[in-house]
Amino acid sequence: MGWDKVDRDDFQSSKEFLLYIHMLLTTEVAEEFRTILYRTKDLTETGLDQNAAFRQAKQEVRANLGKELADCLAYLCKLANYFDYDLEDELHAKLEEIRRKFKK
């Protein structure tokens, strides 16, 4: 996609990259969750109670959700690389912060 050619010191190049990553992330997440909600609605209209319809909709989406989450992970990695973050280090730091917060 040419992301390796983004000039991090160039505003226009960086703006286009960051907006594109934002669009991809929000679209990937929204697609599947919108599908779950609409499918739940459709199934309730066939007579299933809402909770049963929701469980079935989640199961139907499950096969594709893993692919969409993998796409999100790839975009997050690209964003982290752009800002020179080590996501593994950041995750460990965040988990430690949460542990400290809830030990009170």
PDB file of N, CA and C in Angstrom:
ATOM      1  N   MET A   1       0.813  -1.203   0.000  1.00  0.00           N
ATOM      2  CA  MET A   1       0.000   0.000   0.000  1.00  0.00           C
ATOM      3  C   MET A   1       0.853   1.262   0.000  1.00  0.00           C
ATOM      4  N   GLY A   2       2.153   1.109  -0.022  1.00  0.00           N
ATOM      5  CA  GLY A   2       3.033   2.258  -0.049  1.00  0.00           C
ATOM      6  C   GLY A   2       3.257   2.905   1.307  1.00  0.00           C
ATOM      7  N   TRP A   3       2.827   2.251   2.361  1.00  0.00           N
ATOM      8  CA  TRP A   3       2.979   2.841   3.691  1.00  0.00           C
ATOM      9  C   TRP A   3       4.433   2.952   4.108  1.00  0.00           C
ATOM     10  N   ASP A   4       5.285   2.153   3.522  1.00  0.00           N
ATOM     11  CA  ASP A   4       6.699   2.236   3.864  1.00  0.00           C
ATOM     12  C   ASP A   4       7.331   3.507   3.301  1.00  0.00           C
ATOM     13  N   LYS A   5       6.601   4.212   2.455  1.00  0.00           N
ATOM     14  CA  LYS A   5       7.123   5.415   1.822  1.00  0.00           C
ATOM     15  C   LYS A   5       6.597   6.689   2.475  1.00  0.00           C
ATOM     16  N   VAL A   6       5.885   6.559   3.592  1.00  0.00           N
ATOM     17  CA  VAL A   6       5.344   7.736   4.265  1.00  0.00           C
ATOM     18  C   VAL A   6       6.493   8.536   4.866  1.00  0.00           C
ATOM     19  N   ASP A   7       6.542   9.798   4.512  1.00  0.00           N
ATOM     20  CA  ASP A   7       7.557  10.700   5.069  1.00  0.00           C
ATOM     21  C   ASP A   7       6.995  11.269   6.367  1.00  0.00           C
ATOM     22  N   ARG A   8       7.512  10.794   7.495  1.00  0.00           N
ATOM     23  CA  ARG A   8       6.977  11.195   8.799  1.00  0.00           C
ATOM     24  C   ARG A   8       7.236  12.661   9.123  1.00  0.00           C
ATOM     25  N   ASP A   9       8.117  13.298   8.383  1.00  0.00           N
ATOM     26  CA  ASP A   9       8.383  14.720   8.599  1.00  0.00           C
ATOM     27  C   ASP A   9       7.559  15.607   7.683  1.00  0.00           C
ATOM     28  N   ASP A  10       6.849  14.995   6.750  1.00  0.00           N
ATOM     29  CA  ASP A  10       6.029  15.746   5.801  1.00  0.00           C
ATOM     30  C   ASP A  10       4.577  15.709   6.264  1.00  0.00           C
ATOM     31  N   PHE A  11       4.018  16.888   6.527  1.00  0.00           N
ATOM     32  CA  PHE A  11       2.657  16.972   7.049  1.00  0.00           C
ATOM     33  C   PHE A  11       1.643  16.302   6.131  1.00  0.00           C
ATOM     34  N   GLN A  12       1.645  16.623   4.859  1.00  0.00           N
ATOM     35  CA  GLN A  12       0.632  16.094   3.946  1.00  0.00           C
ATOM     36  C   GLN A  12       0.695  14.572   3.856  1.00  0.00           C
ATOM     37  N   SER A  13       1.892  14.036   3.714  1.00  0.00           N
ATOM     38  CA  SER A  13       2.064  12.585   3.633  1.00  0.00           C
ATOM     39  C   SER A  13       1.592  11.913   4.928  1.00  0.00           C
ATOM     40  N   SER A  14       1.970  12.490   6.049  1.00  0.00           N
ATOM     41  CA  SER A  14       1.582  11.935   7.344  1.00  0.00           C
ATOM     42  C   SER A  14       0.080  12.053   7.567  1.00  0.00           C
ATOM     43  N   LYS A  15      -0.489  13.186   7.201  1.00  0.00           N
ATOM     44  CA  LYS A  15      -1.931  13.394   7.368  1.00  0.00           C
ATOM     45  C   LYS A  15      -2.711  12.340   6.584  1.00  0.00           C
ATOM     46  N   GLU A  16      -2.320  12.119   5.344  1.00  0.00           N
ATOM     47  CA  GLU A  16      -3.008  11.130   4.518  1.00  0.00           C
ATOM     48  C   GLU A  16      -2.895   9.733   5.139  1.00  0.00           C
ATOM     49  N   PHE A  17      -1.711   9.389   5.614  1.00  0.00           N
ATOM     50  CA  PHE A  17      -1.492   8.092   6.245  1.00  0.00           C
ATOM     51  C   PHE A  17      -2.356   7.948   7.493  1.00  0.00           C
ATOM     52  N   LEU A  18      -2.310   8.942   8.374  1.00  0.00           N
ATOM     53  CA  LEU A  18      -3.048   8.858   9.637  1.00  0.00           C
ATOM     54  C   LEU A  18      -4.562   8.817   9.413  1.00  0.00           C
ATOM     55  N   LEU A  19      -5.051   9.606   8.483  1.00  0.00           N
ATOM     56  CA  LEU A  19      -6.484   9.572   8.176  1.00  0.00           C
ATOM     57  C   LEU A  19      -6.892   8.230   7.569  1.00  0.00           C
ATOM     58  N   TYR A  20      -6.039   7.681   6.738  1.00  0.00           N
ATOM     59  CA  TYR A  20      -6.320   6.392   6.111  1.00  0.00           C
ATOM     60  C   TYR A  20      -6.356   5.287   7.172  1.00  0.00           C
ATOM     61  N   ILE A  21      -5.380   5.283   8.077  1.00  0.00           N
ATOM     62  CA  ILE A  21      -5.358   4.286   9.144  1.00  0.00           C
ATOM     63  C   ILE A  21      -6.601   4.430  10.016  1.00  0.00           C
ATOM     64  N   HIS A  22      -6.952   5.668  10.348  1.00  0.00           N
ATOM     65  CA  HIS A  22      -8.155   5.912  11.154  1.00  0.00           C
ATOM     66  C   HIS A  22      -9.387   5.350  10.460  1.00  0.00           C
ATOM     67  N   MET A  23      -9.519   5.634   9.169  1.00  0.00           N
ATOM     68  CA  MET A  23     -10.666   5.150   8.411  1.00  0.00           C
ATOM     69  C   MET A  23     -10.709   3.620   8.398  1.00  0.00           C
ATOM     70  N   LEU A  24      -9.559   2.994   8.154  1.00  0.00           N
ATOM     71  CA  LEU A  24      -9.514   1.535   8.091  1.00  0.00           C
ATOM     72  C   LEU A  24      -9.886   0.908   9.435  1.00  0.00           C
ATOM     73  N   LEU A  25      -9.344   1.434  10.517  1.00  0.00           N
ATOM     74  CA  LEU A  25      -9.638   0.884  11.838  1.00  0.00           C
ATOM     75  C   LEU A  25     -11.116   1.013  12.191  1.00  0.00           C
ATOM     76  N   THR A  26     -11.647   2.195  12.024  1.00  0.00           N
ATOM     77  CA  THR A  26     -13.051   2.396  12.401  1.00  0.00           C
ATOM     78  C   THR A  26     -13.991   1.599  11.507  1.00  0.00           C
ATOM     79  N   THR A  27     -13.654   1.482  10.239  1.00  0.00           N
ATOM     80  CA  THR A  27     -14.491   0.718   9.318  1.00  0.00           C
ATOM     81  C   THR A  27     -14.474  -0.763   9.663  1.00  0.00           C
ATOM     82  N   GLU A  28     -13.305  -1.317   9.917  1.00  0.00           N
ATOM     83  CA  GLU A  28     -13.195  -2.741  10.233  1.00  0.00           C
ATOM     84  C   GLU A  28     -14.003  -3.099  11.475  1.00  0.00           C
ATOM     85  N   VAL A  29     -13.868  -2.288  12.505  1.00  0.00           N
ATOM     86  CA  VAL A  29     -14.577  -2.563  13.753  1.00  0.00           C
ATOM     87  C   VAL A  29     -16.083  -2.382  13.558  1.00  0.00           C
ATOM     88  N   ALA A  30     -16.462  -1.301  12.908  1.00  0.00           N
ATOM     89  CA  ALA A  30     -17.885  -1.000  12.746  1.00  0.00           C
ATOM     90  C   ALA A  30     -18.613  -2.034  11.899  1.00  0.00           C
ATOM     91  N   GLU A  31     -17.966  -2.556  10.874  1.00  0.00           N
ATOM     92  CA  GLU A  31     -18.611  -3.522   9.973  1.00  0.00           C
ATOM     93  C   GLU A  31     -19.211  -4.704  10.721  1.00  0.00           C
ATOM     94  N   GLU A  32     -18.405  -5.343  11.519  1.00  0.00           N
ATOM     95  CA  GLU A  32     -18.859  -6.565  12.182  1.00  0.00           C
ATOM     96  C   GLU A  32     -19.871  -6.293  13.283  1.00  0.00           C
ATOM     97  N   PHE A  33     -19.667  -5.218  14.021  1.00  0.00           N
ATOM     98  CA  PHE A  33     -20.601  -4.940  15.100  1.00  0.00           C
ATOM     99  C   PHE A  33     -21.941  -4.466  14.558  1.00  0.00           C
ATOM    100  N   ARG A  34     -21.914  -3.740  13.460  1.00  0.00           N
ATOM    101  CA  ARG A  34     -23.166  -3.364  12.803  1.00  0.00           C
ATOM    102  C   ARG A  34     -23.886  -4.620  12.314  1.00  0.00           C
ATOM    103  N   THR A  35     -23.127  -5.559  11.765  1.00  0.00           N
ATOM    104  CA  THR A  35     -23.705  -6.805  11.289  1.00  0.00           C
ATOM    105  C   THR A  35     -24.380  -7.562  12.427  1.00  0.00           C
ATOM    106  N   ILE A  36     -23.719  -7.626  13.580  1.00  0.00           N
ATOM    107  CA  ILE A  36     -24.302  -8.316  14.737  1.00  0.00           C
ATOM    108  C   ILE A  36     -25.622  -7.657  15.135  1.00  0.00           C
ATOM    109  N   LEU A  37     -25.643  -6.329  15.197  1.00  0.00           N
ATOM    110  CA  LEU A  37     -26.856  -5.639  15.625  1.00  0.00           C
ATOM    111  C   LEU A  37     -27.996  -5.818  14.631  1.00  0.00           C
ATOM    112  N   TYR A  38     -27.709  -5.662  13.337  1.00  0.00           N
ATOM    113  CA  TYR A  38     -28.762  -5.826  12.335  1.00  0.00           C
ATOM    114  C   TYR A  38     -29.237  -7.273  12.249  1.00  0.00           C
ATOM    115  N   ARG A  39     -28.320  -8.207  12.349  1.00  0.00           N
ATOM    116  CA  ARG A  39     -28.702  -9.620  12.295  1.00  0.00           C
ATOM    117  C   ARG A  39     -29.558  -9.981  13.507  1.00  0.00           C
ATOM    118  N   THR A  40     -29.223  -9.440  14.672  1.00  0.00           N
ATOM    119  CA  THR A  40     -30.043  -9.666  15.869  1.00  0.00           C
ATOM    120  C   THR A  40     -31.452  -9.147  15.634  1.00  0.00           C
ATOM    121  N   LYS A  41     -31.545  -7.960  15.083  1.00  0.00           N
ATOM    122  CA  LYS A  41     -32.867  -7.384  14.787  1.00  0.00           C
ATOM    123  C   LYS A  41     -33.638  -8.273  13.823  1.00  0.00           C
ATOM    124  N   ASP A  42     -32.999  -8.726  12.749  1.00  0.00           N
ATOM    125  CA  ASP A  42     -33.658  -9.596  11.769  1.00  0.00           C
ATOM    126  C   ASP A  42     -34.151 -10.888  12.421  1.00  0.00           C
ATOM    127  N   LEU A  43     -33.313 -11.477  13.260  1.00  0.00           N
ATOM    128  CA  LEU A  43     -33.691 -12.736  13.898  1.00  0.00           C
ATOM    129  C   LEU A  43     -34.825 -12.564  14.901  1.00  0.00           C
ATOM    130  N   THR A  44     -34.872 -11.418  15.581  1.00  0.00           N
ATOM    131  CA  THR A  44     -35.988 -11.187  16.511  1.00  0.00           C
ATOM    132  C   THR A  44     -37.298 -11.036  15.743  1.00  0.00           C
ATOM    133  N   GLU A  45     -37.201 -10.519  14.529  1.00  0.00           N
ATOM    134  CA  GLU A  45     -38.409 -10.372  13.706  1.00  0.00           C
ATOM    135  C   GLU A  45     -38.942 -11.722  13.223  1.00  0.00           C
ATOM    136  N   THR A  46     -38.094 -12.774  13.285  1.00  0.00           N
ATOM    137  CA  THR A  46     -38.558 -14.115  12.915  1.00  0.00           C
ATOM    138  C   THR A  46     -39.145 -14.851  14.111  1.00  0.00           C
ATOM    139  N   GLY A  47     -39.102 -14.216  15.283  1.00  0.00           N
ATOM    140  CA  GLY A  47     -39.722 -14.824  16.452  1.00  0.00           C
ATOM    141  C   GLY A  47     -38.764 -15.222  17.561  1.00  0.00           C
ATOM    142  N   LEU A  48     -37.467 -15.175  17.328  1.00  0.00           N
ATOM    143  CA  LEU A  48     -36.522 -15.491  18.402  1.00  0.00           C
ATOM    144  C   LEU A  48     -36.548 -14.380  19.434  1.00  0.00           C
ATOM    145  N   ASP A  49     -36.362 -14.767  20.718  1.00  0.00           N
ATOM    146  CA  ASP A  49     -36.239 -13.693  21.705  1.00  0.00           C
ATOM    147  C   ASP A  49     -34.898 -13.002  21.489  1.00  0.00           C
ATOM    148  N   GLN A  50     -34.794 -11.803  22.015  1.00  0.00           N
ATOM    149  CA  GLN A  50     -33.640 -10.964  21.720  1.00  0.00           C
ATOM    150  C   GLN A  50     -32.308 -11.594  22.128  1.00  0.00           C
ATOM    151  N   ASN A  51     -32.260 -12.226  23.276  1.00  0.00           N
ATOM    152  CA  ASN A  51     -31.005 -12.833  23.723  1.00  0.00           C
ATOM    153  C   ASN A  51     -30.604 -14.018  22.843  1.00  0.00           C
ATOM    154  N   ALA A  52     -31.561 -14.838  22.470  1.00  0.00           N
ATOM    155  CA  ALA A  52     -31.265 -15.967  21.581  1.00  0.00           C
ATOM    156  C   ALA A  52     -30.824 -15.453  20.209  1.00  0.00           C
ATOM    157  N   ALA A  53     -31.482 -14.416  19.731  1.00  0.00           N
ATOM    158  CA  ALA A  53     -31.123 -13.832  18.442  1.00  0.00           C
ATOM    159  C   ALA A  53     -29.709 -13.252  18.491  1.00  0.00           C
ATOM    160  N   PHE A  54     -29.382 -12.603  19.600  1.00  0.00           N
ATOM    161  CA  PHE A  54     -28.051 -12.026  19.756  1.00  0.00           C
ATOM    162  C   PHE A  54     -26.986 -13.108  19.782  1.00  0.00           C
ATOM    163  N   ARG A  55     -27.236 -14.190  20.520  1.00  0.00           N
ATOM    164  CA  ARG A  55     -26.274 -15.300  20.560  1.00  0.00           C
ATOM    165  C   ARG A  55     -26.066 -15.893  19.172  1.00  0.00           C
ATOM    166  N   GLN A  56     -27.148 -16.077  18.433  1.00  0.00           N
ATOM    167  CA  GLN A  56     -27.025 -16.636  17.083  1.00  0.00           C
ATOM    168  C   GLN A  56     -26.280 -15.671  16.160  1.00  0.00           C
ATOM    169  N   ALA A  57     -26.575 -14.393  16.244  1.00  0.00           N
ATOM    170  CA  ALA A  57     -25.895 -13.397  15.397  1.00  0.00           C
ATOM    171  C   ALA A  57     -24.396 -13.376  15.689  1.00  0.00           C
ATOM    172  N   LYS A  58     -24.030 -13.430  16.969  1.00  0.00           N
ATOM    173  CA  LYS A  58     -22.601 -13.455  17.317  1.00  0.00           C
ATOM    174  C   LYS A  58     -21.928 -14.689  16.737  1.00  0.00           C
ATOM    175  N   GLN A  59     -22.608 -15.822  16.797  1.00  0.00           N
ATOM    176  CA  GLN A  59     -22.029 -17.059  16.270  1.00  0.00           C
ATOM    177  C   GLN A  59     -21.855 -16.977  14.747  1.00  0.00           C
ATOM    178  N   GLU A  60     -22.833 -16.402  14.075  1.00  0.00           N
ATOM    179  CA  GLU A  60     -22.744 -16.269  12.620  1.00  0.00           C
ATOM    180  C   GLU A  60     -21.598 -15.349  12.198  1.00  0.00           C
ATOM    181  N   VAL A  61     -21.352 -14.310  12.962  1.00  0.00           N
ATOM    182  CA  VAL A  61     -20.318 -13.336  12.631  1.00  0.00           C
ATOM    183  C   VAL A  61     -18.931 -13.841  13.023  1.00  0.00           C
ATOM    184  N   ARG A  62     -18.881 -14.763  13.949  1.00  0.00           N
ATOM    185  CA  ARG A  62     -17.619 -15.219  14.532  1.00  0.00           C
ATOM    186  C   ARG A  62     -16.573 -15.636  13.490  1.00  0.00           C
ATOM    187  N   ALA A  63     -16.962 -16.335  12.462  1.00  0.00           N
ATOM    188  CA  ALA A  63     -16.004 -16.820  11.452  1.00  0.00           C
ATOM    189  C   ALA A  63     -15.274 -15.666  10.771  1.00  0.00           C
ATOM    190  N   ASN A  64     -15.985 -14.601  10.493  1.00  0.00           N
ATOM    191  CA  ASN A  64     -15.379 -13.468   9.797  1.00  0.00           C
ATOM    192  C   ASN A  64     -14.716 -12.483  10.755  1.00  0.00           C
ATOM    193  N   LEU A  65     -15.158 -12.472  12.004  1.00  0.00           N
ATOM    194  CA  LEU A  65     -14.651 -11.502  12.967  1.00  0.00           C
ATOM    195  C   LEU A  65     -13.144 -11.644  13.185  1.00  0.00           C
ATOM    196  N   GLY A  66     -12.645 -12.862  13.226  1.00  0.00           N
ATOM    197  CA  GLY A  66     -11.213 -13.068  13.414  1.00  0.00           C
ATOM    198  C   GLY A  66     -10.396 -12.391  12.326  1.00  0.00           C
ATOM    199  N   LYS A  67     -10.870 -12.478  11.096  1.00  0.00           N
ATOM    200  CA  LYS A  67     -10.171 -11.824   9.979  1.00  0.00           C
ATOM    201  C   LYS A  67     -10.186 -10.308  10.137  1.00  0.00           C
ATOM    202  N   GLU A  68     -11.326  -9.779  10.561  1.00  0.00           N
ATOM    203  CA  GLU A  68     -11.441  -8.333  10.735  1.00  0.00           C
ATOM    204  C   GLU A  68     -10.556  -7.850  11.886  1.00  0.00           C
ATOM    205  N   LEU A  69     -10.505  -8.618  12.968  1.00  0.00           N
ATOM    206  CA  LEU A  69      -9.646  -8.257  14.093  1.00  0.00           C
ATOM    207  C   LEU A  69      -8.171  -8.316  13.695  1.00  0.00           C
ATOM    208  N   ALA A  70      -7.815  -9.284  12.868  1.00  0.00           N
ATOM    209  CA  ALA A  70      -6.440  -9.371  12.371  1.00  0.00           C
ATOM    210  C   ALA A  70      -6.099  -8.148  11.519  1.00  0.00           C
ATOM    211  N   ASP A  71      -7.053  -7.701  10.713  1.00  0.00           N
ATOM    212  CA  ASP A  71      -6.846  -6.464   9.944  1.00  0.00           C
ATOM    213  C   ASP A  71      -6.586  -5.297  10.888  1.00  0.00           C
ATOM    214  N   CYS A  72      -7.406  -5.191  11.946  1.00  0.00           N
ATOM    215  CA  CYS A  72      -7.234  -4.106  12.922  1.00  0.00           C
ATOM    216  C   CYS A  72      -5.860  -4.172  13.569  1.00  0.00           C
ATOM    217  N   LEU A  73      -5.437  -5.365  13.921  1.00  0.00           N
ATOM    218  CA  LEU A  73      -4.129  -5.528  14.543  1.00  0.00           C
ATOM    219  C   LEU A  73      -3.016  -5.066  13.591  1.00  0.00           C
ATOM    220  N   ALA A  74      -3.144  -5.399  12.329  1.00  0.00           N
ATOM    221  CA  ALA A  74      -2.151  -4.971  11.344  1.00  0.00           C
ATOM    222  C   ALA A  74      -2.112  -3.445  11.253  1.00  0.00           C
ATOM    223  N   TYR A  75      -3.277  -2.793  11.261  1.00  0.00           N
ATOM    224  CA  TYR A  75      -3.326  -1.337  11.181  1.00  0.00           C
ATOM    225  C   TYR A  75      -2.767  -0.706  12.455  1.00  0.00           C
ATOM    226  N   LEU A  76      -3.040  -1.307  13.604  1.00  0.00           N
ATOM    227  CA  LEU A  76      -2.485  -0.798  14.861  1.00  0.00           C
ATOM    228  C   LEU A  76      -0.961  -0.926  14.874  1.00  0.00           C
ATOM    229  N   CYS A  77      -0.463  -2.033  14.360  1.00  0.00           N
ATOM    230  CA  CYS A  77       0.997  -2.216  14.277  1.00  0.00           C
ATOM    231  C   CYS A  77       1.613  -1.167  13.370  1.00  0.00           C
ATOM    232  N   LYS A  78       0.963  -0.888  12.269  1.00  0.00           N
ATOM    233  CA  LYS A  78       1.477   0.120  11.339  1.00  0.00           C
ATOM    234  C   LYS A  78       1.488   1.493  12.004  1.00  0.00           C
ATOM    235  N   LEU A  79       0.441   1.797  12.738  1.00  0.00           N
ATOM    236  CA  LEU A  79       0.367   3.069  13.450  1.00  0.00           C
ATOM    237  C   LEU A  79       1.451   3.146  14.532  1.00  0.00           C
ATOM    238  N   ALA A  80       1.640   2.070  15.272  1.00  0.00           N
ATOM    239  CA  ALA A  80       2.685   2.032  16.299  1.00  0.00           C
ATOM    240  C   ALA A  80       4.064   2.218  15.670  1.00  0.00           C
ATOM    241  N   ASN A  81       4.296   1.579  14.546  1.00  0.00           N
ATOM    242  CA  ASN A  81       5.577   1.728  13.851  1.00  0.00           C
ATOM    243  C   ASN A  81       5.805   3.163  13.403  1.00  0.00           C
ATOM    244  N   TYR A  82       4.745   3.801  12.932  1.00  0.00           N
ATOM    245  CA  TYR A  82       4.848   5.189  12.489  1.00  0.00           C
ATOM    246  C   TYR A  82       5.365   6.073  13.620  1.00  0.00           C
ATOM    247  N   PHE A  83       4.862   5.819  14.851  1.00  0.00           N
ATOM    248  CA  PHE A  83       5.256   6.627  16.008  1.00  0.00           C
ATOM    249  C   PHE A  83       6.413   6.013  16.802  1.00  0.00           C
ATOM    250  N   ASP A  84       7.020   4.964  16.264  1.00  0.00           N
ATOM    251  CA  ASP A  84       8.157   4.292  16.914  1.00  0.00           C
ATOM    252  C   ASP A  84       7.810   3.749  18.304  1.00  0.00           C
ATOM    253  N   TYR A  85       6.641   3.172  18.431  1.00  0.00           N
ATOM    254  CA  TYR A  85       6.243   2.512  19.667  1.00  0.00           C
ATOM    255  C   TYR A  85       6.467   1.018  19.544  1.00  0.00           C
ATOM    256  N   ASP A  86       6.869   0.415  20.636  1.00  0.00           N
ATOM    257  CA  ASP A  86       6.926  -1.035  20.728  1.00  0.00           C
ATOM    258  C   ASP A  86       5.640  -1.454  21.430  1.00  0.00           C
ATOM    259  N   LEU A  87       4.709  -2.014  20.683  1.00  0.00           N
ATOM    260  CA  LEU A  87       3.398  -2.349  21.245  1.00  0.00           C
ATOM    261  C   LEU A  87       3.489  -3.351  22.394  1.00  0.00           C
ATOM    262  N   GLU A  88       4.426  -4.256  22.306  1.00  0.00           N
ATOM    263  CA  GLU A  88       4.569  -5.227  23.391  1.00  0.00           C
ATOM    264  C   GLU A  88       4.943  -4.508  24.687  1.00  0.00           C
ATOM    265  N   ASP A  89       5.892  -3.584  24.611  1.00  0.00           N
ATOM    266  CA  ASP A  89       6.270  -2.812  25.795  1.00  0.00           C
ATOM    267  C   ASP A  89       5.098  -1.983  26.306  1.00  0.00           C
ATOM    268  N   GLU A  90       4.376  -1.376  25.392  1.00  0.00           N
ATOM    269  CA  GLU A  90       3.226  -0.551  25.780  1.00  0.00           C
ATOM    270  C   GLU A  90       2.136  -1.388  26.448  1.00  0.00           C
ATOM    271  N   LEU A  91       1.918  -2.573  25.927  1.00  0.00           N
ATOM    272  CA  LEU A  91       0.908  -3.452  26.518  1.00  0.00           C
ATOM    273  C   LEU A  91       1.308  -3.872  27.928  1.00  0.00           C
ATOM    274  N   HIS A  92       2.554  -4.249  28.107  1.00  0.00           N
ATOM    275  CA  HIS A  92       3.024  -4.629  29.444  1.00  0.00           C
ATOM    276  C   HIS A  92       2.904  -3.459  30.421  1.00  0.00           C
ATOM    277  N   ALA A  93       3.260  -2.264  29.972  1.00  0.00           N
ATOM    278  CA  ALA A  93       3.164  -1.078  30.828  1.00  0.00           C
ATOM    279  C   ALA A  93       1.713  -0.805  31.208  1.00  0.00           C
ATOM    280  N   LYS A  94       0.814  -0.943  30.258  1.00  0.00           N
ATOM    281  CA  LYS A  94      -0.613  -0.698  30.525  1.00  0.00           C
ATOM    282  C   LYS A  94      -1.164  -1.733  31.492  1.00  0.00           C
ATOM    283  N   LEU A  95      -0.816  -2.995  31.298  1.00  0.00           N
ATOM    284  CA  LEU A  95      -1.285  -4.042  32.203  1.00  0.00           C
ATOM    285  C   LEU A  95      -0.765  -3.813  33.622  1.00  0.00           C
ATOM    286  N   GLU A  96       0.472  -3.371  33.742  1.00  0.00           N
ATOM    287  CA  GLU A  96       1.031  -3.065  35.064  1.00  0.00           C
ATOM    288  C   GLU A  96       0.284  -1.899  35.704  1.00  0.00           C
ATOM    289  N   GLU A  97      -0.022  -0.895  34.917  1.00  0.00           N
ATOM    290  CA  GLU A  97      -0.797   0.252  35.406  1.00  0.00           C
ATOM    291  C   GLU A  97      -2.161  -0.200  35.929  1.00  0.00           C
ATOM    292  N   ILE A  98      -2.807  -1.089  35.208  1.00  0.00           N
ATOM    293  CA  ILE A  98      -4.123  -1.599  35.621  1.00  0.00           C
ATOM    294  C   ILE A  98      -3.986  -2.409  36.902  1.00  0.00           C
ATOM    295  N   ARG A  99      -2.935  -3.251  36.982  1.00  0.00           N
ATOM    296  CA  ARG A  99      -2.718  -4.049  38.199  1.00  0.00           C
ATOM    297  C   ARG A  99      -2.550  -3.149  39.417  1.00  0.00           C
ATOM    298  N   ARG A 100      -1.739  -2.096  39.279  1.00  0.00           N
ATOM    299  CA  ARG A 100      -1.524  -1.160  40.393  1.00  0.00           C
ATOM    300  C   ARG A 100      -2.812  -0.469  40.780  1.00  0.00           C
ATOM    301  N   LYS A 101      -3.586  -0.076  39.796  1.00  0.00           N
ATOM    302  CA  LYS A 101      -4.827   0.657  40.032  1.00  0.00           C
ATOM    303  C   LYS A 101      -5.831  -0.180  40.834  1.00  0.00           C
ATOM    304  N   PHE A 102      -5.918  -1.463  40.512  1.00  0.00           N
ATOM    305  CA  PHE A 102      -6.930  -2.294  41.148  1.00  0.00           C
ATOM    306  C   PHE A 102      -6.422  -3.039  42.382  1.00  0.00           C
ATOM    307  N   LYS A 103      -5.171  -2.851  42.763  1.00  0.00           N
ATOM    308  CA  LYS A 103      -4.663  -3.436  43.977  1.00  0.00           C
ATOM    309  C   LYS A 103      -5.030  -2.619  45.206  1.00  0.00           C
ATOM    310  N   LYS A 104      -5.540  -1.440  44.998  1.00  0.00           N
ATOM    311  CA  LYS A 104      -5.880  -0.541  46.109  1.00  0.00           C
ATOM    312  C   LYS A 104      -6.911  -1.137  47.018  1.00  0.00           C
TER     313      LYS A 104
END
